[in-house]
Amino acid sequence: MGAAAITAEGLAKRYRIGEQRAAYGTLRDSIAASAHRLLQRDGLRRHHAREEIWALQDVTFSVGESEVLGVIGRNGAGKSTLLKILTRITTPTSGRAEIRGRVGSLLEVGTGFHPELTGRENIFLNGAILGMRRQEILSRFSEIVAFSGIEKFIDTPVKRYSSGMYVRLAFSVAAHFEPEVLLVDEVLAVGDAEFQQRCLGRMEDLSSEGRTVVFVSHSMPAVARLCDRAILLDGGRIVRDGPSEDVVAHYLQHAHGTGSLRMWSDVASAPGNDRAKLRCVRVVTEDGALVENADVRRPVGIEIAFTLLRPTAVVPKIKVTDPQGDVCFNAIDTDSRWDDPSPAGDHTATAWIPANLLNEGLYTVDVDVASLEAGRFAVHARMRDAVSFHVLDPAEGDSAKGGFVGNWRGSVRPLLDWTYERG
């Protein structure tokens, strides 16, 4: 990481809830104020004490050149406020922020577009605002239009564009005018899946070219894939700052109430029916220790403890979901020990996921205790999103990535045996 492209020191932003007085008055403001005074005089309007909230409090961080920073958190955590301060749309109540280099930003659909102008005219307008010469804009024009995919409507006023068309053109303009720093808000959620993938690819290209990207999103897989580092905002404060995989895992596990351990102390309220009840689900290492961050080079076990209330032929089952929310795999224990009814009482089964199978990222696990009846599952106890764990690569020793340090796509990345012949 090079020198700091973005520096924020003690940023804070306070907003007043309810009525706010503008710095200058308009005729509409004067009429509204007169009406309010009449209502108060007639007792028709109650007086409320003004409340204030802090959208940001003491936010300090820096982003290096060519670094991709993800900003995550719940709605209202302060993410968009932070970007608006960085782009000088709003001023902080206290603190300071400094950005070095040309800034491209995409904060809201159609930001910077004039609705009466065509898409073509808005491209030239945005380029001029960024200080680009006409020849520079012309050299990028075809590439911008092709990326946006709206060639047919480029000479149509943008007020007639759909929200998807707006965001396509807006992102294309922001990302192709060679900004040193690109700030992108959750507006990408407006685009379709194919365009979102192209946007993420473009941001990866910008990062590899030495540009700095700040990416605000609720898409945790996108943040984990794209960002080197992430900060987690909660209540306007930074509560976690570190590698994106760690921060995303922490956020998901706390936001969804899942971790590497799930226990039920009360049999009556535990998941299950009159045949089987779950007692505990754990993610464990080979020595039986509880683990939240699993080493990709080591096996990881999903331990299922359950109680059979009467003798029943059952089989334990797991379903593992990858960081993109897709099913990575299902697995059951096919050993013959489950063919006959198991006695009533406590049982524990552990499914071992081999080393160097799963890719890096956060995985969630559903567990079942079921019977096989005519080739179909009759579920007796089930817990969706029972536990979660994060797979990490320490970048040393045996790893399917070898010396590669970038993101490795896919749900699995097995360490395969290779054969080789020369000639």
Protein backbone atom coordinates (compact mmCIF):
# COMPACT_ATOMS: atom_id res chain seq x y z
CA MET A 1 0.00 0.00 0.00
CA GLY A 2 1.36 3.39 -0.99
CA ALA A 3 0.76 6.84 0.44
CA ALA A 4 -2.65 7.74 1.82
CA ALA A 5 -5.17 8.72 -0.86
CA ILE A 6 -7.89 9.43 1.71
CA THR A 7 -7.40 10.64 5.26
CA ALA A 8 -10.24 11.19 7.74
CA GLU A 9 -9.62 12.51 11.24
CA GLY A 10 -12.32 12.73 13.92
CA LEU A 11 -15.20 13.09 11.47
CA ALA A 12 -18.55 13.80 13.12
CA LYS A 13 -21.88 14.83 11.65
CA ARG A 14 -24.90 16.02 13.63
CA TYR A 15 -28.42 16.31 12.24
CA ARG A 16 -31.46 17.92 13.78
CA ILE A 17 -34.67 15.88 13.73
CA GLY A 18 -37.78 17.76 12.69
CA GLU A 19 -37.93 21.38 11.58
CA GLN A 20 -34.74 23.00 10.36
CA ARG A 21 -34.20 26.61 9.42
CA ALA A 22 -32.30 27.22 6.20
CA ALA A 23 -29.40 29.63 6.05
CA TYR A 24 -31.50 31.87 3.78
CA GLY A 25 -35.23 32.32 3.46
CA THR A 26 -37.54 31.84 0.49
CA LEU A 27 -41.13 32.95 -0.10
CA ARG A 28 -42.28 29.39 0.57
CA ASP A 29 -40.36 29.33 3.87
CA SER A 30 -41.94 32.64 4.92
CA ILE A 31 -45.45 31.41 4.15
CA ALA A 32 -44.84 28.12 5.99
CA ALA A 33 -43.42 29.95 9.02
CA SER A 34 -46.48 32.24 9.15
CA ALA A 35 -48.80 29.23 9.02
CA HIS A 36 -46.88 27.53 11.83
CA ARG A 37 -47.16 30.63 14.01
CA LEU A 38 -50.92 30.78 13.41
CA LEU A 39 -51.33 27.11 14.33
CA GLN A 40 -49.30 27.56 17.50
CA ARG A 41 -51.34 30.65 18.45
CA ASP A 42 -54.58 28.72 17.96
CA GLY A 43 -53.26 25.77 19.95
CA LEU A 44 -53.48 23.43 16.94
CA ARG A 45 -49.80 22.68 16.82
CA ARG A 46 -47.82 21.19 19.65
CA HIS A 47 -44.36 22.36 20.41
CA HIS A 48 -41.74 19.63 20.43
CA ALA A 49 -38.25 19.96 21.76
CA ARG A 50 -35.75 19.65 18.95
CA GLU A 51 -33.88 16.36 18.90
CA GLU A 52 -30.41 15.89 17.49
CA ILE A 53 -28.72 12.75 16.27
CA TRP A 54 -25.12 12.05 15.44
CA ALA A 55 -24.88 10.26 12.09
CA LEU A 56 -21.10 10.01 12.53
CA GLN A 57 -18.95 10.24 15.66
CA ASP A 58 -15.17 10.38 15.83
CA VAL A 59 -14.55 8.49 12.57
CA THR A 60 -10.83 8.24 11.83
CA PHE A 61 -9.21 6.14 9.10
CA SER A 62 -6.98 6.34 6.06
CA VAL A 63 -7.04 4.59 2.69
CA GLY A 64 -3.84 3.97 0.79
CA GLU A 65 -3.32 4.44 -2.92
CA SER A 66 -4.62 1.45 -4.95
CA GLU A 67 -6.44 0.10 -1.88
CA VAL A 68 -10.07 -1.04 -2.12
CA LEU A 69 -11.95 -0.25 1.08
CA GLY A 70 -15.38 -1.63 1.86
CA VAL A 71 -17.74 0.21 4.21
CA ILE A 72 -20.47 -1.96 5.72
CA GLY A 73 -23.10 -1.73 8.44
CA ARG A 74 -26.82 -1.68 9.07
CA ASN A 75 -29.15 0.91 7.57
CA GLY A 76 -28.61 4.20 9.38
CA ALA A 77 -25.10 3.30 10.50
CA GLY A 78 -23.63 6.38 8.76
CA LYS A 79 -22.22 4.86 5.56
CA SER A 80 -23.83 7.24 3.08
CA THR A 81 -23.18 10.23 5.33
CA LEU A 82 -19.50 9.34 5.32
CA LEU A 83 -19.38 9.29 1.52
CA LYS A 84 -21.27 12.58 1.28
CA ILE A 85 -18.65 14.20 3.49
CA LEU A 86 -15.83 12.73 1.41
CA THR A 87 -17.40 14.09 -1.78
CA ARG A 88 -18.10 17.49 -0.17
CA ILE A 89 -21.86 17.18 -0.63
CA THR A 90 -22.19 17.92 3.06
CA THR A 91 -19.77 19.37 5.60
CA PRO A 92 -18.83 17.64 8.84
CA THR A 93 -19.88 19.10 12.18
CA SER A 94 -16.33 18.48 13.35
CA GLY A 95 -13.19 16.79 12.07
CA ARG A 96 -11.60 16.90 8.66
CA ALA A 97 -11.18 14.72 5.57
CA GLU A 98 -8.66 15.01 2.76
CA ILE A 99 -8.64 13.27 -0.63
CA ARG A 100 -5.67 13.41 -2.96
CA GLY A 101 -6.44 13.08 -6.67
CA ARG A 102 -9.37 13.30 -9.07
CA VAL A 103 -12.56 11.89 -7.53
CA GLY A 104 -15.25 9.95 -9.35
CA SER A 105 -18.37 9.31 -7.29
CA LEU A 106 -21.63 7.46 -7.65
CA LEU A 107 -23.77 8.07 -4.59
CA GLU A 108 -27.35 8.20 -5.87
CA VAL A 109 -29.07 7.31 -9.10
CA GLY A 110 -28.57 10.15 -11.55
CA THR A 111 -26.30 12.22 -9.33
CA GLY A 112 -24.78 14.97 -11.47
CA PHE A 113 -27.15 14.38 -14.40
CA HIS A 114 -29.37 17.13 -15.79
CA PRO A 115 -32.76 15.55 -16.54
CA GLU A 116 -33.43 17.71 -19.62
CA LEU A 117 -30.11 16.80 -21.26
CA THR A 118 -29.55 13.64 -23.27
CA GLY A 119 -27.23 10.86 -22.18
CA ARG A 120 -24.63 12.10 -24.66
CA GLU A 121 -24.83 15.67 -23.35
CA ASN A 122 -24.60 14.50 -19.74
CA ILE A 123 -21.42 12.54 -20.49
CA PHE A 124 -19.78 15.72 -21.78
CA LEU A 125 -21.19 17.75 -18.88
CA ASN A 126 -19.80 15.33 -16.29
CA GLY A 127 -16.43 15.24 -18.01
CA ALA A 128 -16.27 19.04 -18.01
CA ILE A 129 -17.15 19.12 -14.31
CA LEU A 130 -14.22 16.77 -13.68
CA GLY A 131 -11.95 19.20 -15.52
CA MET A 132 -11.43 17.09 -18.63
CA ARG A 133 -10.83 18.56 -22.07
CA ARG A 134 -13.25 17.80 -24.89
CA GLN A 135 -10.69 15.62 -26.66
CA GLU A 136 -10.22 13.53 -23.51
CA ILE A 137 -13.97 13.00 -23.25
CA LEU A 138 -14.22 12.06 -26.93
CA SER A 139 -11.44 9.47 -26.52
CA ARG A 140 -13.49 7.75 -23.78
CA PHE A 141 -16.97 8.29 -25.20
CA SER A 142 -17.36 5.05 -27.17
CA GLU A 143 -16.04 2.97 -24.29
CA ILE A 144 -18.44 4.63 -21.83
CA VAL A 145 -21.48 4.08 -24.04
CA ALA A 146 -20.54 0.47 -24.83
CA PHE A 147 -20.07 -0.35 -21.14
CA SER A 148 -23.40 1.19 -20.20
CA GLY A 149 -25.26 -0.84 -22.81
CA ILE A 150 -27.73 1.95 -23.62
CA GLU A 151 -26.42 2.95 -27.07
CA LYS A 152 -29.96 3.03 -28.45
CA PHE A 153 -31.01 5.71 -25.94
CA ILE A 154 -27.86 7.82 -25.75
CA ASP A 155 -29.60 10.76 -27.49
CA THR A 156 -32.73 10.54 -25.32
CA PRO A 157 -33.18 12.97 -22.39
CA VAL A 158 -32.22 11.13 -19.22
CA LYS A 159 -35.49 12.14 -17.53
CA ARG A 160 -37.03 9.37 -19.63
CA TYR A 161 -34.52 6.75 -18.43
CA SER A 162 -35.49 3.97 -16.06
CA SER A 163 -33.55 3.74 -12.78
CA GLY A 164 -31.56 0.86 -14.26
CA MET A 165 -30.58 2.91 -17.31
CA TYR A 166 -29.64 5.82 -15.05
CA VAL A 167 -27.29 3.72 -12.96
CA ARG A 168 -25.73 2.06 -15.99
CA LEU A 169 -24.77 5.37 -17.52
CA ALA A 170 -23.85 7.00 -14.21
CA PHE A 171 -21.47 4.20 -13.20
CA SER A 172 -19.96 4.02 -16.66
CA VAL A 173 -19.22 7.76 -16.59
CA ALA A 174 -17.79 7.65 -13.06
CA ALA A 175 -15.58 4.65 -13.76
CA HIS A 176 -14.20 5.55 -17.19
CA PHE A 177 -12.99 9.11 -16.68
CA GLU A 178 -9.86 7.74 -14.97
CA PRO A 179 -10.48 8.92 -11.39
CA GLU A 180 -7.66 8.49 -8.91
CA VAL A 181 -10.34 7.83 -6.27
CA LEU A 182 -13.71 6.19 -6.95
CA LEU A 183 -16.49 6.39 -4.34
CA VAL A 184 -19.43 4.04 -4.92
CA ASP A 185 -22.56 3.76 -2.79
CA GLU A 186 -25.18 1.00 -2.68
CA VAL A 187 -26.68 2.40 -5.89
CA LEU A 188 -25.28 -0.65 -7.70
CA ALA A 189 -28.18 -2.62 -6.21
CA VAL A 190 -30.41 -0.92 -8.81
CA GLY A 191 -28.68 -2.61 -11.73
CA ASP A 192 -29.38 -6.13 -12.96
CA ALA A 193 -27.15 -9.06 -11.99
CA GLU A 194 -25.16 -9.05 -15.23
CA PHE A 195 -24.39 -5.34 -14.97
CA GLN A 196 -23.46 -5.64 -11.29
CA GLN A 197 -20.87 -8.26 -12.22
CA ARG A 198 -19.45 -5.96 -14.89
CA CYS A 199 -19.30 -3.10 -12.37
CA LEU A 200 -17.43 -5.25 -9.86
CA GLY A 201 -15.05 -6.33 -12.61
CA ARG A 202 -14.46 -2.71 -13.59
CA MET A 203 -13.67 -1.78 -9.98
CA GLU A 204 -11.22 -4.67 -9.80
CA ASP A 205 -9.58 -3.33 -12.97
CA LEU A 206 -9.33 0.17 -11.45
CA SER A 207 -7.69 -1.26 -8.33
CA SER A 208 -5.16 -3.22 -10.39
CA GLU A 209 -4.36 0.02 -12.25
CA GLY A 210 -3.46 1.71 -8.96
CA ARG A 211 -6.75 3.54 -8.35
CA THR A 212 -8.33 3.84 -4.92
CA VAL A 213 -11.89 2.59 -4.44
CA VAL A 214 -14.27 3.09 -1.50
CA PHE A 215 -17.23 0.75 -1.85
CA VAL A 216 -20.36 1.00 0.34
CA SER A 217 -22.60 -2.04 0.02
CA HIS A 218 -24.99 -4.41 1.76
CA SER A 219 -23.71 -7.21 -0.48
CA MET A 220 -21.26 -9.01 1.77
CA PRO A 221 -20.04 -11.39 -0.96
CA ALA A 222 -19.21 -8.38 -3.16
CA VAL A 223 -17.32 -6.68 -0.32
CA ALA A 224 -15.41 -9.86 0.54
CA ARG A 225 -14.56 -10.43 -3.13
CA LEU A 226 -13.62 -6.90 -4.12
CA CYS A 227 -12.17 -5.24 -1.03
CA ASP A 228 -8.77 -5.69 0.55
CA ARG A 229 -10.00 -4.13 3.77
CA ALA A 230 -13.31 -3.14 5.33
CA ILE A 231 -14.60 -0.96 8.12
CA LEU A 232 -17.81 -1.71 10.01
CA LEU A 233 -19.92 1.26 11.09
CA ASP A 234 -22.46 1.01 13.88
CA GLY A 235 -24.24 4.01 15.34
CA GLY A 236 -21.94 6.35 13.44
CA ARG A 237 -18.75 4.85 14.89
CA ILE A 238 -16.14 2.50 13.49
CA VAL A 239 -16.47 -0.70 15.51
CA ARG A 240 -14.17 -2.89 13.42
CA ASP A 241 -11.43 -2.25 10.89
CA GLY A 242 -9.38 -4.97 9.23
CA PRO A 243 -9.18 -7.52 6.40
CA SER A 244 -12.52 -7.63 4.61
CA GLU A 245 -13.03 -11.35 5.29
CA ASP A 246 -12.67 -10.88 9.05
CA VAL A 247 -14.90 -7.80 9.20
CA VAL A 248 -17.58 -9.38 6.99
CA ALA A 249 -17.54 -12.59 9.09
CA HIS A 250 -17.87 -10.56 12.30
CA TYR A 251 -20.76 -8.52 10.88
CA LEU A 252 -22.69 -11.49 9.49
CA GLN A 253 -22.26 -13.60 12.58
CA HIS A 254 -23.47 -10.80 14.84
CA ALA A 255 -26.16 -9.47 12.48
CA HIS A 256 -27.73 -12.88 11.92
CA GLY A 257 -27.08 -14.23 15.39
CA THR A 258 -24.99 -17.13 14.09
CA GLY A 259 -21.57 -18.19 15.24
CA SER A 260 -19.62 -21.40 15.55
CA LEU A 261 -21.72 -22.65 18.49
CA ARG A 262 -25.46 -23.18 18.92
CA MET A 263 -26.83 -24.86 22.07
CA TRP A 264 -30.25 -25.67 23.48
CA SER A 265 -30.38 -26.28 27.23
CA ASP A 266 -34.13 -26.90 27.34
CA VAL A 267 -35.17 -30.09 25.54
CA ALA A 268 -38.76 -28.91 25.24
CA SER A 269 -37.81 -25.80 23.24
CA ALA A 270 -35.02 -27.43 21.21
CA PRO A 271 -35.62 -28.01 17.47
CA GLY A 272 -37.17 -31.40 16.81
CA ASN A 273 -40.24 -33.59 17.17
CA ASP A 274 -41.28 -36.51 19.34
CA ARG A 275 -38.43 -38.66 17.97
CA ALA A 276 -35.34 -36.43 17.95
CA LYS A 277 -34.18 -33.16 19.47
CA LEU A 278 -31.04 -31.14 18.73
CA ARG A 279 -28.81 -30.38 21.73
CA CYS A 280 -25.79 -28.63 20.26
CA VAL A 281 -24.09 -27.80 16.95
CA ARG A 282 -20.41 -26.79 16.94
CA VAL A 283 -17.67 -26.00 14.44
CA VAL A 284 -14.52 -27.72 15.69
CA THR A 285 -10.89 -28.39 14.85
CA GLU A 286 -9.26 -31.82 14.78
CA ASP A 287 -8.52 -31.59 18.52
CA GLY A 288 -12.14 -30.72 19.34
CA ALA A 289 -11.60 -27.01 19.97
CA LEU A 290 -14.32 -24.56 18.98
CA VAL A 291 -13.29 -22.48 15.96
CA GLU A 292 -14.76 -19.45 14.15
CA ASN A 293 -11.90 -18.85 11.69
CA ALA A 294 -10.87 -22.14 10.13
CA ASP A 295 -7.45 -22.67 8.53
CA VAL A 296 -7.99 -23.66 4.89
CA ARG A 297 -5.12 -26.19 5.26
CA ARG A 298 -6.81 -28.07 8.11
CA PRO A 299 -9.99 -30.19 8.27
CA VAL A 300 -12.94 -28.58 9.99
CA GLY A 301 -15.70 -30.53 11.69
CA ILE A 302 -19.44 -29.86 12.03
CA GLU A 303 -20.39 -31.57 15.29
CA ILE A 304 -24.09 -32.38 15.78
CA ALA A 305 -25.24 -33.49 19.23
CA PHE A 306 -28.81 -34.76 19.39
CA THR A 307 -31.10 -36.80 21.61
CA LEU A 308 -33.33 -39.61 20.39
CA LEU A 309 -36.48 -39.79 22.48
CA ARG A 310 -37.18 -43.33 21.31
CA PRO A 311 -35.30 -45.87 19.17
CA THR A 312 -35.28 -44.54 15.61
CA ALA A 313 -33.32 -45.19 12.43
CA VAL A 314 -31.90 -41.74 11.65
CA VAL A 315 -29.08 -40.19 9.68
CA PRO A 316 -27.31 -36.85 10.36
CA LYS A 317 -27.18 -34.37 7.47
CA ILE A 318 -25.55 -31.00 6.77
CA LYS A 319 -25.98 -28.40 4.05
CA VAL A 320 -23.16 -25.89 3.57
CA THR A 321 -23.90 -22.52 1.95
CA ASP A 322 -21.14 -20.46 0.39
CA PRO A 323 -20.45 -16.70 0.78
CA GLN A 324 -22.68 -15.93 -2.24
CA GLY A 325 -25.66 -17.63 -0.59
CA ASP A 326 -25.54 -20.62 -2.97
CA VAL A 327 -25.57 -24.21 -1.76
CA CYS A 328 -21.99 -25.44 -1.77
CA PHE A 329 -22.88 -29.04 -0.99
CA ASN A 330 -25.15 -31.39 0.97
CA ALA A 331 -23.75 -34.36 2.87
CA ILE A 332 -25.04 -37.27 4.97
CA ASP A 333 -23.27 -40.03 6.84
CA THR A 334 -23.66 -43.09 4.58
CA ASP A 335 -22.09 -45.52 7.05
CA SER A 336 -24.12 -48.69 7.71
CA ARG A 337 -24.25 -47.85 11.45
CA TRP A 338 -27.30 -45.71 10.70
CA ASP A 339 -29.18 -48.49 8.87
CA ASP A 340 -30.72 -49.92 12.03
CA PRO A 341 -32.64 -48.01 14.69
CA SER A 342 -30.34 -46.18 17.11
CA PRO A 343 -31.20 -46.48 20.80
CA ALA A 344 -32.89 -43.67 22.72
CA GLY A 345 -30.46 -41.29 24.38
CA ASP A 346 -27.70 -38.85 23.46
CA HIS A 347 -25.72 -39.15 20.23
CA THR A 348 -23.01 -37.06 18.58
CA ALA A 349 -22.03 -37.14 14.91
CA THR A 350 -19.32 -35.03 13.28
CA ALA A 351 -19.02 -34.31 9.57
CA TRP A 352 -15.41 -33.59 8.58
CA ILE A 353 -14.83 -31.17 5.72
CA PRO A 354 -11.43 -31.92 4.19
CA ALA A 355 -8.55 -29.47 4.18
CA ASN A 356 -8.05 -27.42 1.03
CA LEU A 357 -11.61 -27.95 -0.16
CA LEU A 358 -13.52 -24.78 0.67
CA ASN A 359 -12.47 -21.41 -0.65
CA GLU A 360 -11.91 -18.45 1.64
CA GLY A 361 -15.03 -16.77 2.98
CA LEU A 362 -17.96 -17.16 5.37
CA TYR A 363 -19.95 -20.40 5.26
CA THR A 364 -23.21 -21.19 6.99
CA VAL A 365 -24.43 -24.68 7.86
CA ASP A 366 -27.94 -26.14 8.09
CA VAL A 367 -28.23 -29.37 10.09
CA ASP A 368 -30.84 -32.12 10.01
CA VAL A 369 -31.51 -35.33 11.88
CA ALA A 370 -33.71 -37.34 9.54
CA SER A 371 -34.89 -40.80 8.58
CA LEU A 372 -34.61 -42.20 5.08
CA GLU A 373 -38.01 -43.53 4.02
CA ALA A 374 -38.33 -44.88 0.48
CA GLY A 375 -35.34 -42.82 -0.58
CA ARG A 376 -36.75 -39.59 0.84
CA PHE A 377 -35.90 -37.64 3.99
CA ALA A 378 -38.36 -37.51 6.87
CA VAL A 379 -36.89 -34.73 9.00
CA HIS A 380 -37.19 -35.06 12.78
CA ALA A 381 -34.95 -32.15 13.85
CA ARG A 382 -33.77 -29.26 11.70
CA MET A 383 -31.94 -25.98 12.25
CA ARG A 384 -31.30 -23.63 9.36
CA ASP A 385 -28.25 -21.37 9.65
CA ALA A 386 -27.33 -23.36 12.74
CA VAL A 387 -23.69 -22.27 12.73
CA SER A 388 -21.26 -20.33 10.61
CA PHE A 389 -17.51 -20.24 10.22
CA HIS A 390 -14.97 -18.35 8.21
CA VAL A 391 -12.28 -20.02 6.11
CA LEU A 392 -8.95 -18.19 6.11
CA ASP A 393 -5.75 -18.78 4.17
CA PRO A 394 -2.59 -17.91 6.13
CA ALA A 395 -0.71 -17.72 2.79
CA GLU A 396 1.94 -20.20 3.83
CA GLY A 397 2.44 -23.95 3.59
CA ASP A 398 0.23 -26.18 1.45
CA SER A 399 -2.48 -24.17 -0.25
CA ALA A 400 -4.25 -24.48 -3.58
CA LYS A 401 -3.42 -20.83 -4.29
CA GLY A 402 0.32 -21.41 -4.15
CA GLY A 403 2.03 -18.03 -4.28
CA PHE A 404 -1.03 -16.22 -5.65
CA VAL A 405 -2.23 -13.49 -3.26
CA GLY A 406 -5.42 -12.26 -4.97
CA ASN A 407 -9.03 -13.43 -4.65
CA TRP A 408 -9.62 -16.97 -5.86
CA ARG A 409 -13.17 -17.27 -7.23
CA GLY A 410 -15.52 -20.14 -6.59
CA SER A 411 -16.96 -22.00 -3.61
CA VAL A 412 -14.25 -24.66 -3.60
CA ARG A 413 -10.52 -24.61 -4.38
CA PRO A 414 -9.20 -28.14 -3.89
CA LEU A 415 -5.50 -28.93 -3.78
CA LEU A 416 -5.39 -31.35 -6.70
CA ASP A 417 -2.80 -33.93 -7.72
CA TRP A 418 -1.27 -33.02 -11.08
CA THR A 419 0.65 -35.13 -13.59
CA TYR A 420 3.11 -33.72 -16.04
CA GLU A 421 4.91 -34.93 -19.14
CA ARG A 422 7.35 -32.97 -21.24
CA GLY A 423 7.35 -33.23 -25.00
